[in-house]
Amino acid sequence: MLVAAVLYLFNTIVAPWVMIAGALVIGVAYILKAILYKATAVRERRLEKMGMLGGLHYFLSGSFMLKESGLWVILFAVATVFFVYAIFVGAKVAEVKE
């Protein structure tokens, strides 16, 4: 995702498609994780939903890149906050679980 954001500075045609492709990969990964590994704790399910919501925000960010709107930066920042929180807290939950 960061690659797409930096690429947008140099090539505004390719960057949105890279962002959308990355968002789709993230979305599919979180959906498969939710299907294959059933989370029992409420906190784990909430983190999965936050990851999916972050992927949706990345997708919307790529869509606004295509329209050449400045709103993509805000959506990108929100998605990044969701992912950073989900990754760090998810690692902490997994560590406590073991």
Protein backbone atom coordinates (compact mmCIF):
# COMPACT_ATOMS: atom_id res chain seq x y z
CA MET A 1 0.00 0.00 0.00
CA LEU A 2 2.82 2.35 0.80
CA VAL A 3 4.27 1.59 -2.62
CA ALA A 4 1.05 2.75 -4.26
CA ALA A 5 1.01 5.95 -2.20
CA VAL A 6 4.60 6.79 -3.17
CA LEU A 7 3.99 5.73 -6.77
CA TYR A 8 1.11 8.23 -6.94
CA LEU A 9 3.67 11.03 -6.72
CA PHE A 10 5.29 9.88 -9.97
CA ASN A 11 2.62 8.01 -11.92
CA THR A 12 -1.02 8.86 -11.27
CA ILE A 13 -2.27 6.30 -13.78
CA VAL A 14 -0.76 3.10 -12.37
CA ALA A 15 -0.86 3.91 -8.64
CA PRO A 16 -4.65 3.61 -8.18
CA TRP A 17 -4.66 0.18 -9.76
CA VAL A 18 -1.82 -0.96 -7.52
CA MET A 19 -3.77 0.31 -4.50
CA ILE A 20 -6.98 -1.44 -5.58
CA ALA A 21 -5.15 -4.71 -6.30
CA GLY A 22 -3.46 -4.60 -2.90
CA ALA A 23 -6.75 -3.86 -1.18
CA LEU A 24 -8.39 -6.83 -2.89
CA VAL A 25 -5.55 -9.12 -1.81
CA ILE A 26 -5.85 -7.89 1.79
CA GLY A 27 -9.63 -8.29 1.71
CA VAL A 28 -9.44 -11.85 0.37
CA ALA A 29 -6.80 -12.74 2.98
CA TYR A 30 -8.95 -11.49 5.85
CA ILE A 31 -12.06 -13.22 4.49
CA LEU A 32 -10.19 -16.52 4.13
CA LYS A 33 -8.76 -16.11 7.62
CA ALA A 34 -12.24 -15.56 9.01
CA ILE A 35 -13.57 -18.64 7.22
CA LEU A 36 -10.70 -21.03 7.93
CA TYR A 37 -9.79 -19.98 11.46
CA LYS A 38 -12.85 -19.30 13.56
CA ALA A 39 -12.02 -16.75 16.25
CA THR A 40 -13.77 -17.51 19.50
CA ALA A 41 -12.85 -14.47 21.54
CA VAL A 42 -14.71 -11.23 21.01
CA ARG A 43 -11.43 -9.31 20.82
CA GLU A 44 -10.11 -11.54 17.99
CA ARG A 45 -13.32 -11.13 15.99
CA ARG A 46 -13.16 -7.36 16.46
CA LEU A 47 -9.58 -7.30 15.20
CA GLU A 48 -10.60 -9.32 12.12
CA LYS A 49 -13.40 -6.86 11.41
CA MET A 50 -11.00 -3.95 11.80
CA GLY A 51 -8.67 -5.59 9.27
CA MET A 52 -11.53 -6.04 6.81
CA LEU A 53 -12.62 -2.45 7.37
CA GLY A 54 -9.06 -1.29 6.74
CA GLY A 55 -9.03 -3.23 3.46
CA LEU A 56 -12.27 -1.55 2.47
CA HIS A 57 -10.77 1.84 3.23
CA TYR A 58 -7.74 0.99 1.08
CA PHE A 59 -10.08 0.02 -1.75
CA LEU A 60 -11.99 3.29 -1.41
CA SER A 61 -8.69 5.14 -1.29
CA GLY A 62 -7.71 3.59 -4.62
CA SER A 63 -11.08 4.55 -6.06
CA PHE A 64 -10.61 8.16 -5.03
CA MET A 65 -7.12 8.04 -6.54
CA LEU A 66 -8.74 7.13 -9.85
CA LYS A 67 -11.00 10.18 -9.57
CA GLU A 68 -7.93 12.29 -8.67
CA SER A 69 -9.58 13.46 -5.48
CA GLY A 70 -7.55 14.48 -2.45
CA LEU A 71 -9.82 12.45 -0.17
CA TRP A 72 -7.73 9.34 -0.83
CA VAL A 73 -5.08 10.56 1.59
CA ILE A 74 -7.54 10.67 4.50
CA LEU A 75 -8.92 7.22 3.69
CA PHE A 76 -5.38 5.88 3.37
CA ALA A 77 -4.47 7.28 6.79
CA VAL A 78 -7.59 5.81 8.43
CA ALA A 79 -6.92 2.39 6.87
CA THR A 80 -3.32 2.48 8.03
CA VAL A 81 -4.38 3.25 11.60
CA PHE A 82 -6.80 0.30 11.52
CA PHE A 83 -4.12 -2.05 10.22
CA VAL A 84 -1.41 -0.93 12.60
CA TYR A 85 -3.78 -1.35 15.54
CA ALA A 86 -5.02 -4.75 14.33
CA ILE A 87 -1.49 -6.04 13.73
CA PHE A 88 0.05 -4.93 17.02
CA VAL A 89 -2.89 -5.82 19.22
CA GLY A 90 -3.39 -9.09 17.31
CA ALA A 91 0.22 -10.03 18.00
CA LYS A 92 -0.26 -9.20 21.67
CA VAL A 93 -3.44 -11.31 21.85
CA ALA A 94 -1.69 -14.24 20.16
CA GLU A 95 1.22 -13.94 22.58
CA VAL A 96 -1.10 -13.98 25.60
CA LYS A 97 -3.10 -16.86 24.13
CA GLU A 98 0.00 -19.09 23.97
